[in-house]
N, C-alpha and C. Protein backbone atom coordinates (compact mmCIF):
# COMPACT_ATOMS: atom_id res chain seq x y z
N MET A 1 178.02 -55.58 68.76
CA MET A 1 177.65 -55.78 69.46
C MET A 1 177.41 -56.29 70.71
N ASN A 2 176.62 -56.57 71.04
CA ASN A 2 175.92 -55.99 73.28
C ASN A 2 176.62 -56.94 73.90
N ALA A 3 177.42 -57.09 75.13
CA ALA A 3 177.20 -57.42 76.32
C ALA A 3 176.05 -57.49 76.98
N GLU A 4 175.53 -58.61 77.75
CA GLU A 4 174.33 -58.41 78.48
C GLU A 4 174.92 -58.72 80.06
N PRO A 5 175.78 -58.30 81.22
CA PRO A 5 176.04 -58.96 82.47
C PRO A 5 174.64 -59.30 83.06
N LYS A 6 174.92 -61.02 83.10
CA LYS A 6 173.98 -61.29 83.90
C LYS A 6 174.66 -62.90 85.26
N GLN A 7 173.67 -63.30 85.95
CA GLN A 7 174.38 -64.15 86.70
C GLN A 7 173.63 -65.67 85.76
N LEU A 8 175.40 -66.22 85.54
CA LEU A 8 175.06 -67.27 85.08
C LEU A 8 175.50 -68.37 85.64
N VAL A 9 175.81 -68.96 86.87
CA VAL A 9 175.60 -69.88 88.15
C VAL A 9 174.55 -69.55 89.27
N ALA A 10 174.03 -70.57 89.32
CA ALA A 10 172.69 -69.93 90.32
C ALA A 10 174.19 -70.56 91.62
N PRO A 11 174.30 -69.95 92.96
CA PRO A 11 174.92 -70.79 94.55
C PRO A 11 174.27 -71.91 94.53
N LEU A 12 175.49 -72.59 94.28
CA LEU A 12 175.22 -74.22 94.19
C LEU A 12 176.29 -74.93 95.39
N SER A 13 176.46 -75.93 96.20
CA SER A 13 177.43 -76.68 97.12
C SER A 13 178.98 -76.75 96.53
N LEU A 14 180.00 -77.25 96.80
CA LEU A 14 180.50 -77.23 97.12
C LEU A 14 180.58 -78.60 96.97
N THR A 15 181.61 -79.70 96.23
CA THR A 15 181.49 -81.16 96.37
C THR A 15 183.36 -81.47 96.43
N LYS A 16 183.79 -83.36 96.91
CA LYS A 16 185.29 -83.60 96.71
C LYS A 16 185.35 -83.19 95.63
N THR A 17 184.73 -83.54 94.42
CA THR A 17 184.98 -83.80 93.47
C THR A 17 185.01 -83.37 92.23
N ALA A 18 185.82 -82.76 91.06
CA ALA A 18 185.60 -81.85 90.44
C ALA A 18 184.51 -81.83 89.38
N LYS A 19 183.37 -80.73 89.34
CA LYS A 19 182.16 -80.69 88.41
C LYS A 19 182.01 -79.90 87.29
N GLN A 20 181.29 -79.51 86.96
CA GLN A 20 181.64 -78.84 86.21
C GLN A 20 180.05 -77.96 86.14
N VAL A 21 179.76 -76.21 86.14
CA VAL A 21 179.73 -75.23 86.90
C VAL A 21 178.83 -74.63 85.93
N TYR A 22 179.38 -73.92 84.71
CA TYR A 22 179.34 -73.69 83.47
C TYR A 22 179.60 -74.34 82.43
N GLN A 23 178.70 -74.22 81.31
CA GLN A 23 179.50 -74.78 80.18
C GLN A 23 179.14 -73.31 79.02
N ALA A 24 179.91 -73.31 77.99
CA ALA A 24 179.77 -71.33 77.20
C ALA A 24 178.15 -72.17 76.19
N PRO A 25 177.02 -71.71 76.10
CA PRO A 25 176.69 -72.38 75.18
C PRO A 25 176.90 -71.57 73.53
N ALA A 26 176.11 -73.02 72.78
CA ALA A 26 176.45 -72.69 71.62
C ALA A 26 176.66 -71.44 70.31
N ASN A 27 177.58 -71.60 69.73
CA ASN A 27 177.32 -70.24 69.01
C ASN A 27 177.39 -68.30 70.28
N LYS A 28 178.14 -69.02 70.91
CA LYS A 28 178.12 -67.57 72.33
C LYS A 28 179.70 -67.73 72.71
N SER A 29 180.56 -66.98 73.12
CA SER A 29 181.68 -66.66 74.17
C SER A 29 181.22 -65.54 75.45
N VAL A 30 181.84 -66.55 76.30
CA VAL A 30 181.43 -65.68 77.72
C VAL A 30 182.75 -65.25 78.15
N ILE A 31 182.46 -64.05 78.50
CA ILE A 31 183.38 -63.86 79.37
C ILE A 31 183.61 -62.92 80.64
N VAL A 32 184.24 -64.20 81.76
CA VAL A 32 183.30 -64.48 82.97
C VAL A 32 184.06 -62.23 83.39
N THR A 33 183.66 -62.63 84.26
CA THR A 33 183.99 -60.78 84.82
C THR A 33 184.30 -61.10 87.04
N LYS A 34 183.35 -62.26 87.28
CA LYS A 34 183.01 -62.29 88.87
C LYS A 34 183.37 -63.80 89.25
N LEU A 35 183.70 -64.22 90.24
CA LEU A 35 183.70 -65.24 90.56
C LEU A 35 183.50 -65.61 92.04
N VAL A 36 182.76 -66.01 92.65
CA VAL A 36 182.72 -66.05 94.48
C VAL A 36 182.64 -66.99 95.14
N ALA A 37 183.49 -67.78 95.93
CA ALA A 37 183.05 -69.14 96.42
C ALA A 37 182.99 -68.21 97.64
N ALA A 38 182.38 -68.95 98.58
CA ALA A 38 182.20 -69.28 99.57
C ALA A 38 182.04 -70.60 100.97
N ASN A 39 182.27 -70.06 101.81
CA ASN A 39 182.16 -71.96 102.47
C ASN A 39 181.10 -71.81 103.72
N THR A 40 179.94 -72.22 103.88
CA THR A 40 178.95 -72.16 104.44
C THR A 40 178.57 -73.68 105.40
N VAL A 41 179.49 -74.13 105.15
CA VAL A 41 179.55 -75.37 106.17
C VAL A 41 180.35 -75.77 107.28
N ASP A 42 180.55 -76.69 108.25
CA ASP A 42 180.99 -76.09 109.65
C ASP A 42 182.08 -76.87 109.18
N ASP A 43 182.92 -76.74 108.56
CA ASP A 43 183.87 -77.31 108.08
C ASP A 43 185.27 -76.55 107.15
N VAL A 44 186.61 -77.13 106.63
CA VAL A 44 186.90 -76.22 105.55
C VAL A 44 187.20 -76.96 104.15
N VAL A 45 186.85 -76.26 103.47
CA VAL A 45 186.19 -76.91 101.86
C VAL A 45 187.66 -76.14 100.97
N SER A 46 187.76 -77.24 100.00
CA SER A 46 188.56 -76.57 99.01
C SER A 46 187.90 -76.30 97.54
N VAL A 47 188.75 -75.40 97.08
CA VAL A 47 188.48 -74.77 95.42
C VAL A 47 189.25 -74.66 94.66
N THR A 48 188.84 -75.50 93.18
CA THR A 48 189.89 -75.39 92.32
C THR A 48 189.53 -75.04 90.85
N ILE A 49 189.89 -74.65 90.16
CA ILE A 49 188.99 -74.02 89.00
C ILE A 49 189.94 -74.41 87.79
N TYR A 50 189.34 -74.76 86.93
CA TYR A 50 189.82 -75.17 85.52
C TYR A 50 188.85 -74.67 84.64
N LEU A 51 189.85 -74.31 83.60
CA LEU A 51 189.31 -74.11 81.95
C LEU A 51 189.38 -74.90 81.55
N VAL A 52 188.17 -76.00 81.18
CA VAL A 52 187.95 -76.59 80.44
C VAL A 52 187.18 -76.87 79.24
N PRO A 53 188.16 -76.66 77.90
CA PRO A 53 187.90 -77.31 76.75
C PRO A 53 186.75 -78.20 76.08
N LYS A 54 185.77 -77.57 75.51
CA LYS A 54 185.11 -78.47 74.42
C LYS A 54 185.40 -80.08 75.00
N GLY A 55 184.60 -80.61 74.85
CA GLY A 55 185.22 -82.23 74.99
C GLY A 55 185.89 -82.32 75.63
N GLU A 56 186.55 -81.87 76.88
CA GLU A 56 187.92 -82.56 77.96
C GLU A 56 186.95 -82.22 78.63
N SER A 57 187.73 -82.96 80.13
CA SER A 57 187.41 -83.45 81.43
C SER A 57 188.57 -82.44 82.32
N ALA A 58 187.84 -82.01 82.79
CA ALA A 58 189.48 -80.90 84.21
C ALA A 58 191.05 -82.42 84.91
N THR A 59 191.75 -81.42 84.84
CA THR A 59 192.78 -82.08 84.86
C THR A 59 193.85 -81.10 85.28
N THR A 60 194.84 -81.32 85.49
CA THR A 60 195.61 -80.37 85.92
C THR A 60 196.46 -79.40 84.49
N LYS A 61 196.49 -79.83 83.42
CA LYS A 61 196.99 -79.47 82.47
C LYS A 61 195.51 -78.46 82.23
N ASN A 62 194.31 -78.18 82.53
CA ASN A 62 193.70 -76.78 82.24
C ASN A 62 193.23 -76.23 83.74
N GLN A 63 193.50 -76.67 84.36
CA GLN A 63 193.80 -76.09 85.99
C GLN A 63 194.15 -74.64 86.07
N ILE A 64 193.33 -73.15 86.42
CA ILE A 64 193.75 -72.09 86.63
C ILE A 64 193.73 -71.59 87.60
N VAL A 65 193.11 -72.02 88.48
CA VAL A 65 193.36 -71.81 89.71
C VAL A 65 193.43 -73.20 90.91
N PRO A 66 194.89 -72.77 91.66
CA PRO A 66 195.41 -74.10 92.34
C PRO A 66 194.16 -74.16 93.92
N ARG A 67 194.04 -75.26 94.11
CA ARG A 67 193.38 -75.52 95.46
C ARG A 67 193.51 -73.94 96.17
N ARG A 68 192.95 -73.91 96.89
CA ARG A 68 192.57 -72.64 97.96
C ARG A 68 191.05 -73.35 98.87
N PHE A 69 191.86 -73.28 99.89
CA PHE A 69 191.18 -73.70 101.17
C PHE A 69 190.22 -72.86 101.78
N LEU A 70 189.12 -73.08 101.48
CA LEU A 70 188.29 -72.23 102.65
C LEU A 70 187.97 -72.47 104.31
N ASN A 71 188.19 -71.55 105.03
CA ASN A 71 187.41 -71.75 106.10
C ASN A 71 186.32 -71.82 106.54
N ASN A 72 185.23 -71.53 107.90
CA ASN A 72 184.09 -72.03 107.55
C ASN A 72 183.07 -70.39 107.43
N LEU A 73 182.39 -69.91 106.65
CA LEU A 73 181.80 -68.46 107.14
C LEU A 73 183.04 -67.49 106.51
N GLU A 74 184.45 -68.08 105.51
CA GLU A 74 185.14 -67.61 104.53
C GLU A 74 184.26 -67.47 103.35
N SER A 75 184.30 -66.37 102.19
CA SER A 75 184.56 -66.24 101.04
C SER A 75 185.61 -65.24 100.39
N TRP A 76 185.98 -66.15 98.77
CA TRP A 76 186.53 -65.38 97.91
C TRP A 76 186.28 -65.08 97.01
N ALA A 77 186.76 -64.42 95.90
CA ALA A 77 186.53 -63.65 94.49
C ALA A 77 187.86 -63.96 94.65
N ALA A 78 187.65 -65.23 93.28
CA ALA A 78 189.10 -65.23 92.47
C ALA A 78 189.13 -64.63 91.52
N TYR A 79 190.05 -63.45 91.66
CA TYR A 79 190.21 -62.22 90.20
C TYR A 79 191.24 -62.67 89.49
N GLN A 80 191.81 -64.10 89.67
CA GLN A 80 192.45 -64.40 88.26
C GLN A 80 191.45 -65.22 87.31
N VAL A 81 190.45 -64.86 87.38
CA VAL A 81 189.22 -65.64 86.48
C VAL A 81 188.75 -64.76 85.87
N GLU A 82 189.05 -63.36 86.37
CA GLU A 82 188.46 -62.07 85.27
C GLU A 82 188.62 -62.18 84.18
N GLY A 83 187.73 -61.22 83.00
CA GLY A 83 188.83 -61.50 81.97
C GLY A 83 187.99 -62.79 80.97
N LEU A 84 188.31 -63.73 81.49
CA LEU A 84 188.79 -64.99 81.29
C LEU A 84 187.68 -65.10 80.00
N VAL A 85 188.05 -65.71 78.86
CA VAL A 85 186.92 -65.80 77.90
C VAL A 85 186.84 -67.98 77.41
N LEU A 86 185.49 -67.53 77.87
CA LEU A 86 185.00 -69.13 77.65
C LEU A 86 184.79 -68.77 76.01
N LYS A 87 184.89 -69.87 75.28
CA LYS A 87 184.22 -70.14 73.69
C LYS A 87 183.59 -71.22 73.74
N GLN A 88 182.46 -70.75 72.26
CA GLN A 88 181.49 -72.65 72.99
C GLN A 88 181.72 -73.77 73.03
N GLY A 89 180.86 -74.20 73.58
CA GLY A 89 181.08 -75.11 74.61
C GLY A 89 182.12 -75.76 75.89
N ASP A 90 182.95 -74.91 76.25
CA ASP A 90 184.35 -74.69 77.16
C ASP A 90 183.28 -74.23 78.83
N SER A 91 184.20 -75.26 79.57
CA SER A 91 183.30 -74.85 81.25
C SER A 91 183.76 -74.43 82.09
N ILE A 92 183.66 -74.26 83.59
CA ILE A 92 184.72 -73.85 84.46
C ILE A 92 184.05 -74.32 85.29
């Protein structure tokens, strides 16, 4: 089995509510190697990361990185998710 690195999620804007940014496809597991968040707006934003099992919603039960505040023009690499495995249908 070969692992092929690729960008899974195009840059996107953060919102005030949790939203799915990636879901592992059918018949595949995905290993997260890097996740970076950057604040490009003129305000403080927050980031919370969830590993949501297939068919469930983002809740404190599946929160893997608690809320992190980012100042304007600040970026943050979420090292806590490096090596995380998403099984078929799981989302982040």
